[in-house]
Amino acid sequence: MTPIPGSGLAKGLAVTLRTMTKKSVTAQYPETQPELPPRSRGVIGLFEENCTVCMLCARECPDWCIYIDSHKETVPPAAPGGRERSRNVLDRFAIDFSLCMYCGICIEVCPFDALFWSPEFEYAETDIHELTHERDKLREWMWTVPEPPALDPGAEEPKEVAAARKAADKIAAQRAQEQSEEKSAERPEEKGGTS
């Protein structure tokens, strides 16, 4: 059997006509923002108050795209007669996102939870030199970091939370016992005063 000349073209046009009448399922990006997964990796946000300038993130970065500058300051003694201490003060914290490969090693090694994944992904620049974002921009992205997911109801409670709860319960029990002792001490005085 020989195909009829032009039958392939007719089939193609039939498919085109069928799909032209259906609604498009393509989401046009600038007008419609995508729904990102909860743990998506966009950019890295900096919680500057937690940074102790330990330099672990910069040392562990396989791309060497984290730049940190700091200086030491002398802190006066906390109590009279104590000794002065020195602490590192952050001067510059920058990440070059033109080099970053979004591996997340810097976030994992940070012992003080100063770095977090932000789902922000709209940070394109026309010049590659502008992809080095300083701490002000990294601090802005920190406010886009979502809350951590809730613990699994069947999971074991973290030991820090359990210890804090135990201490709070102990203090509450002591206060309740003191209040009951105060009330029982007041009752005999009231009885003695009325007779």
C-alpha atoms as a PDB file:
ATOM      1  CA  MET A   1       0.000   0.000   0.000  1.00  0.00           C
ATOM      2  CA  THR A   2       1.385   3.338  -0.926  1.00  0.00           C
ATOM      3  CA  PRO A   3       0.460   6.266   1.287  1.00  0.00           C
ATOM      4  CA  ILE A   4      -1.633   8.995  -0.208  1.00  0.00           C
ATOM      5  CA  PRO A   5       0.550  12.024  -0.943  1.00  0.00           C
ATOM      6  CA  GLY A   6       0.033  14.715   1.689  1.00  0.00           C
ATOM      7  CA  SER A   7      -1.564  12.378   4.281  1.00  0.00           C
ATOM      8  CA  GLY A   8       1.237  13.094   6.781  1.00  0.00           C
ATOM      9  CA  LEU A   9       0.636  16.817   6.409  1.00  0.00           C
ATOM     10  CA  ALA A  10      -3.098  16.314   6.933  1.00  0.00           C
ATOM     11  CA  LYS A  11      -2.471  14.300  10.133  1.00  0.00           C
ATOM     12  CA  GLY A  12      -0.167  17.011  11.440  1.00  0.00           C
ATOM     13  CA  LEU A  13      -2.719  19.721  10.710  1.00  0.00           C
ATOM     14  CA  ALA A  14      -5.436  17.669  12.433  1.00  0.00           C
ATOM     15  CA  VAL A  15      -3.303  17.467  15.602  1.00  0.00           C
ATOM     16  CA  THR A  16      -2.661  21.203  15.421  1.00  0.00           C
ATOM     17  CA  LEU A  17      -6.382  21.992  15.064  1.00  0.00           C
ATOM     18  CA  ARG A  18      -7.263  19.701  18.003  1.00  0.00           C
ATOM     19  CA  THR A  19      -4.726  21.316  20.332  1.00  0.00           C
ATOM     20  CA  MET A  20      -5.553  24.880  19.255  1.00  0.00           C
ATOM     21  CA  THR A  21      -8.995  24.638  20.806  1.00  0.00           C
ATOM     22  CA  LYS A  22      -7.748  23.353  24.190  1.00  0.00           C
ATOM     23  CA  LYS A  23      -6.637  25.580  27.034  1.00  0.00           C
ATOM     24  CA  SER A  24      -2.870  25.936  27.404  1.00  0.00           C
ATOM     25  CA  VAL A  25      -1.324  24.256  30.455  1.00  0.00           C
ATOM     26  CA  THR A  26       1.966  26.120  30.237  1.00  0.00           C
ATOM     27  CA  ALA A  27       2.515  28.530  33.131  1.00  0.00           C
ATOM     28  CA  GLN A  28       4.060  31.707  31.822  1.00  0.00           C
ATOM     29  CA  TYR A  29       6.865  32.453  34.291  1.00  0.00           C
ATOM     30  CA  PRO A  30       6.961  36.191  34.881  1.00  0.00           C
ATOM     31  CA  GLU A  31       3.180  36.435  35.239  1.00  0.00           C
ATOM     32  CA  THR A  32       2.754  33.173  37.152  1.00  0.00           C
ATOM     33  CA  GLN A  33       5.221  32.434  39.936  1.00  0.00           C
ATOM     34  CA  PRO A  34       6.149  28.745  40.242  1.00  0.00           C
ATOM     35  CA  GLU A  35       5.192  26.760  43.341  1.00  0.00           C
ATOM     36  CA  LEU A  36       8.545  25.759  44.777  1.00  0.00           C
ATOM     37  CA  PRO A  37       9.078  22.659  46.921  1.00  0.00           C
ATOM     38  CA  PRO A  38       9.426  23.469  50.637  1.00  0.00           C
ATOM     39  CA  ARG A  39      13.161  22.693  50.779  1.00  0.00           C
ATOM     40  CA  SER A  40      14.205  24.203  47.460  1.00  0.00           C
ATOM     41  CA  ARG A  41      17.720  25.620  47.159  1.00  0.00           C
ATOM     42  CA  GLY A  42      17.649  29.152  45.853  1.00  0.00           C
ATOM     43  CA  VAL A  43      20.301  31.317  47.491  1.00  0.00           C
ATOM     44  CA  ILE A  44      22.088  31.346  50.826  1.00  0.00           C
ATOM     45  CA  GLY A  45      20.794  33.698  53.513  1.00  0.00           C
ATOM     46  CA  LEU A  46      23.016  35.008  56.329  1.00  0.00           C
ATOM     47  CA  PHE A  47      21.801  35.374  59.917  1.00  0.00           C
ATOM     48  CA  GLU A  48      24.581  37.763  60.878  1.00  0.00           C
ATOM     49  CA  GLU A  49      23.911  37.749  64.635  1.00  0.00           C
ATOM     50  CA  ASN A  50      24.875  34.053  64.812  1.00  0.00           C
ATOM     51  CA  CYS A  51      28.108  34.394  62.813  1.00  0.00           C
ATOM     52  CA  THR A  52      31.227  34.137  64.996  1.00  0.00           C
ATOM     53  CA  VAL A  53      33.671  34.452  62.073  1.00  0.00           C
ATOM     54  CA  CYS A  54      34.949  30.917  62.648  1.00  0.00           C
ATOM     55  CA  MET A  55      35.705  30.682  58.896  1.00  0.00           C
ATOM     56  CA  LEU A  56      34.532  27.054  58.648  1.00  0.00           C
ATOM     57  CA  CYS A  57      32.195  27.843  55.753  1.00  0.00           C
ATOM     58  CA  ALA A  58      34.952  29.542  53.754  1.00  0.00           C
ATOM     59  CA  ARG A  59      37.455  26.757  54.459  1.00  0.00           C
ATOM     60  CA  GLU A  60      35.082  23.932  53.532  1.00  0.00           C
ATOM     61  CA  CYS A  61      33.725  25.572  50.368  1.00  0.00           C
ATOM     62  CA  PRO A  62      34.994  23.521  47.398  1.00  0.00           C
ATOM     63  CA  ASP A  63      34.688  26.536  45.068  1.00  0.00           C
ATOM     64  CA  TRP A  64      36.257  29.119  47.404  1.00  0.00           C
ATOM     65  CA  CYS A  65      33.375  31.485  46.694  1.00  0.00           C
ATOM     66  CA  ILE A  66      32.867  32.782  50.264  1.00  0.00           C
ATOM     67  CA  TYR A  67      34.827  35.877  51.266  1.00  0.00           C
ATOM     68  CA  ILE A  68      35.052  36.833  54.946  1.00  0.00           C
ATOM     69  CA  ASP A  69      36.926  39.732  56.538  1.00  0.00           C
ATOM     70  CA  SER A  70      36.967  40.463  60.254  1.00  0.00           C
ATOM     71  CA  HIS A  71      38.881  42.217  63.005  1.00  0.00           C
ATOM     72  CA  LYS A  72      39.364  41.579  66.715  1.00  0.00           C
ATOM     73  CA  GLU A  73      37.825  43.767  69.394  1.00  0.00           C
ATOM     74  CA  THR A  74      38.579  43.773  73.087  1.00  0.00           C
ATOM     75  CA  VAL A  75      35.539  43.189  75.258  1.00  0.00           C
ATOM     76  CA  PRO A  76      35.574  44.630  78.797  1.00  0.00           C
ATOM     77  CA  PRO A  77      35.316  42.160  81.673  1.00  0.00           C
ATOM     78  CA  ALA A  78      31.818  40.960  82.490  1.00  0.00           C
ATOM     79  CA  ALA A  79      32.413  41.248  86.247  1.00  0.00           C
ATOM     80  CA  PRO A  80      34.693  43.547  88.227  1.00  0.00           C
ATOM     81  CA  GLY A  81      38.123  42.005  88.594  1.00  0.00           C
ATOM     82  CA  GLY A  82      37.628  39.798  85.532  1.00  0.00           C
ATOM     83  CA  ARG A  83      39.908  39.786  82.556  1.00  0.00           C
ATOM     84  CA  GLU A  84      39.318  41.340  79.183  1.00  0.00           C
ATOM     85  CA  ARG A  85      38.450  39.080  76.293  1.00  0.00           C
ATOM     86  CA  SER A  86      38.766  39.505  72.561  1.00  0.00           C
ATOM     87  CA  ARG A  87      36.162  38.571  69.981  1.00  0.00           C
ATOM     88  CA  ASN A  88      35.981  38.564  66.205  1.00  0.00           C
ATOM     89  CA  VAL A  89      33.786  41.174  64.559  1.00  0.00           C
ATOM     90  CA  LEU A  90      32.474  40.552  61.055  1.00  0.00           C
ATOM     91  CA  ASP A  91      33.498  43.232  58.551  1.00  0.00           C
ATOM     92  CA  ARG A  92      32.629  41.527  55.272  1.00  0.00           C
ATOM     93  CA  PHE A  93      30.718  38.397  54.335  1.00  0.00           C
ATOM     94  CA  ALA A  94      30.184  37.881  50.610  1.00  0.00           C
ATOM     95  CA  ILE A  95      29.274  34.953  48.389  1.00  0.00           C
ATOM     96  CA  ASP A  96      30.129  34.877  44.692  1.00  0.00           C
ATOM     97  CA  PHE A  97      27.105  33.148  43.159  1.00  0.00           C
ATOM     98  CA  SER A  98      28.816  32.991  39.771  1.00  0.00           C
ATOM     99  CA  LEU A  99      31.145  30.390  41.332  1.00  0.00           C
ATOM    100  CA  CYS A 100      28.788  28.755  43.845  1.00  0.00           C
ATOM    101  CA  MET A 101      27.606  25.277  42.888  1.00  0.00           C
ATOM    102  CA  TYR A 102      24.855  25.176  45.567  1.00  0.00           C
ATOM    103  CA  CYS A 103      26.253  22.094  47.285  1.00  0.00           C
ATOM    104  CA  GLY A 104      25.204  23.332  50.742  1.00  0.00           C
ATOM    105  CA  ILE A 105      28.431  22.311  52.486  1.00  0.00           C
ATOM    106  CA  CYS A 106      28.773  25.782  54.033  1.00  0.00           C
ATOM    107  CA  ILE A 107      25.305  25.499  55.554  1.00  0.00           C
ATOM    108  CA  GLU A 108      25.972  22.013  56.919  1.00  0.00           C
ATOM    109  CA  VAL A 109      29.330  22.852  58.530  1.00  0.00           C
ATOM    110  CA  CYS A 110      28.208  26.107  60.183  1.00  0.00           C
ATOM    111  CA  PRO A 111      28.177  25.230  63.918  1.00  0.00           C
ATOM    112  CA  PHE A 112      26.183  28.330  64.903  1.00  0.00           C
ATOM    113  CA  ASP A 113      23.318  28.220  62.358  1.00  0.00           C
ATOM    114  CA  ALA A 114      24.287  31.437  60.607  1.00  0.00           C
ATOM    115  CA  LEU A 115      23.628  30.210  57.033  1.00  0.00           C
ATOM    116  CA  PHE A 116      20.301  28.995  55.629  1.00  0.00           C
ATOM    117  CA  TRP A 117      18.798  28.040  52.280  1.00  0.00           C
ATOM    118  CA  SER A 118      16.382  30.630  50.934  1.00  0.00           C
ATOM    119  CA  PRO A 119      13.924  29.719  48.156  1.00  0.00           C
ATOM    120  CA  GLU A 120      14.638  33.086  46.477  1.00  0.00           C
ATOM    121  CA  PHE A 121      15.814  32.443  42.917  1.00  0.00           C
ATOM    122  CA  GLU A 122      15.288  35.751  41.110  1.00  0.00           C
ATOM    123  CA  TYR A 123      18.703  37.322  41.468  1.00  0.00           C
ATOM    124  CA  ALA A 124      19.968  37.355  37.875  1.00  0.00           C
ATOM    125  CA  GLU A 125      22.339  40.145  36.881  1.00  0.00           C
ATOM    126  CA  THR A 126      23.482  41.442  33.503  1.00  0.00           C
ATOM    127  CA  ASP A 127      27.111  41.633  34.647  1.00  0.00           C
ATOM    128  CA  ILE A 128      28.827  38.594  36.162  1.00  0.00           C
ATOM    129  CA  HIS A 129      30.761  40.812  38.589  1.00  0.00           C
ATOM    130  CA  GLU A 130      27.477  41.829  40.229  1.00  0.00           C
ATOM    131  CA  LEU A 131      26.779  38.223  41.291  1.00  0.00           C
ATOM    132  CA  THR A 132      29.035  38.675  44.318  1.00  0.00           C
ATOM    133  CA  HIS A 133      26.461  39.536  46.957  1.00  0.00           C
ATOM    134  CA  GLU A 134      27.565  41.236  50.168  1.00  0.00           C
ATOM    135  CA  ARG A 135      26.168  40.673  53.657  1.00  0.00           C
ATOM    136  CA  ASP A 136      23.418  43.292  53.294  1.00  0.00           C
ATOM    137  CA  LYS A 137      21.839  41.369  50.420  1.00  0.00           C
ATOM    138  CA  LEU A 138      22.435  38.014  52.156  1.00  0.00           C
ATOM    139  CA  ARG A 139      20.728  39.424  55.272  1.00  0.00           C
ATOM    140  CA  GLU A 140      17.695  40.456  53.178  1.00  0.00           C
ATOM    141  CA  TRP A 141      17.352  36.905  51.867  1.00  0.00           C
ATOM    142  CA  MET A 142      17.314  35.606  55.431  1.00  0.00           C
ATOM    143  CA  TRP A 143      13.743  36.900  55.806  1.00  0.00           C
ATOM    144  CA  THR A 144      12.588  34.668  52.938  1.00  0.00           C
ATOM    145  CA  VAL A 145      13.812  31.483  54.658  1.00  0.00           C
ATOM    146  CA  PRO A 146      10.785  29.316  55.537  1.00  0.00           C
ATOM    147  CA  GLU A 147      10.173  27.971  59.026  1.00  0.00           C
ATOM    148  CA  PRO A 148      11.672  24.538  59.653  1.00  0.00           C
ATOM    149  CA  PRO A 149       9.242  21.659  59.215  1.00  0.00           C
ATOM    150  CA  ALA A 150       7.408  20.445  62.298  1.00  0.00           C
ATOM    151  CA  LEU A 151       8.774  17.412  64.077  1.00  0.00           C
ATOM    152  CA  ASP A 152       7.243  14.069  63.282  1.00  0.00           C
ATOM    153  CA  PRO A 153       4.660  13.307  65.987  1.00  0.00           C
ATOM    154  CA  GLY A 154       6.198   9.872  66.521  1.00  0.00           C
ATOM    155  CA  ALA A 155       9.762  11.210  66.721  1.00  0.00           C
ATOM    156  CA  GLU A 156      11.752  11.261  69.921  1.00  0.00           C
ATOM    157  CA  GLU A 157      11.873  14.662  71.570  1.00  0.00           C
ATOM    158  CA  PRO A 158      15.256  16.415  71.265  1.00  0.00           C
ATOM    159  CA  LYS A 159      17.263  16.095  74.473  1.00  0.00           C
ATOM    160  CA  GLU A 160      17.663  19.878  74.782  1.00  0.00           C
ATOM    161  CA  VAL A 161      13.889  20.358  74.697  1.00  0.00           C
ATOM    162  CA  ALA A 162      13.358  17.485  77.149  1.00  0.00           C
ATOM    163  CA  ALA A 163      15.929  18.940  79.579  1.00  0.00           C
ATOM    164  CA  ALA A 164      14.347  22.401  79.365  1.00  0.00           C
ATOM    165  CA  ARG A 165      10.864  20.972  79.921  1.00  0.00           C
ATOM    166  CA  LYS A 166      12.082  18.944  82.902  1.00  0.00           C
ATOM    167  CA  ALA A 167      13.685  22.041  84.463  1.00  0.00           C
ATOM    168  CA  ALA A 168      10.529  24.111  83.854  1.00  0.00           C
ATOM    169  CA  ASP A 169       8.326  21.410  85.398  1.00  0.00           C
ATOM    170  CA  LYS A 170      10.620  21.232  88.427  1.00  0.00           C
ATOM    171  CA  ILE A 171      10.449  25.015  88.951  1.00  0.00           C
ATOM    172  CA  ALA A 172       6.647  24.972  88.534  1.00  0.00           C
ATOM    173  CA  ALA A 173       6.346  22.148  91.086  1.00  0.00           C
ATOM    174  CA  GLN A 174       8.523  24.060  93.576  1.00  0.00           C
ATOM    175  CA  ARG A 175       6.413  27.201  93.175  1.00  0.00           C
ATOM    176  CA  ALA A 176       3.176  25.230  93.598  1.00  0.00           C
ATOM    177  CA  GLN A 177       4.573  23.593  96.760  1.00  0.00           C
ATOM    178  CA  GLU A 178       5.657  26.972  98.169  1.00  0.00           C
ATOM    179  CA  GLN A 179       2.213  28.444  97.480  1.00  0.00           C
ATOM    180  CA  SER A 180       0.460  25.502  99.149  1.00  0.00           C
ATOM    181  CA  GLU A 181       2.762  25.837 102.196  1.00  0.00           C
ATOM    182  CA  GLU A 182       1.991  29.569 102.396  1.00  0.00           C
ATOM    183  CA  LYS A 183      -1.752  28.901 102.235  1.00  0.00           C
ATOM    184  CA  SER A 184      -1.555  26.180 104.913  1.00  0.00           C
ATOM    185  CA  ALA A 185       0.527  28.520 107.133  1.00  0.00           C
ATOM    186  CA  GLU A 186      -2.093  31.284 106.758  1.00  0.00           C
ATOM    187  CA  ARG A 187      -5.081  29.075 107.718  1.00  0.00           C
ATOM    188  CA  PRO A 188      -4.094  28.321 111.367  1.00  0.00           C
ATOM    189  CA  GLU A 189      -3.394  32.010 111.972  1.00  0.00           C
ATOM    190  CA  GLU A 190      -6.852  32.894 110.691  1.00  0.00           C
ATOM    191  CA  LYS A 191      -8.441  30.260 112.980  1.00  0.00           C
ATOM    192  CA  GLY A 192      -6.434  31.465 115.973  1.00  0.00           C
ATOM    193  CA  GLY A 193      -7.362  35.083 115.309  1.00  0.00           C
ATOM    194  CA  THR A 194     -11.133  34.393 115.230  1.00  0.00           C
ATOM    195  CA  SER A 195     -11.405  32.385 118.479  1.00  0.00           C
END
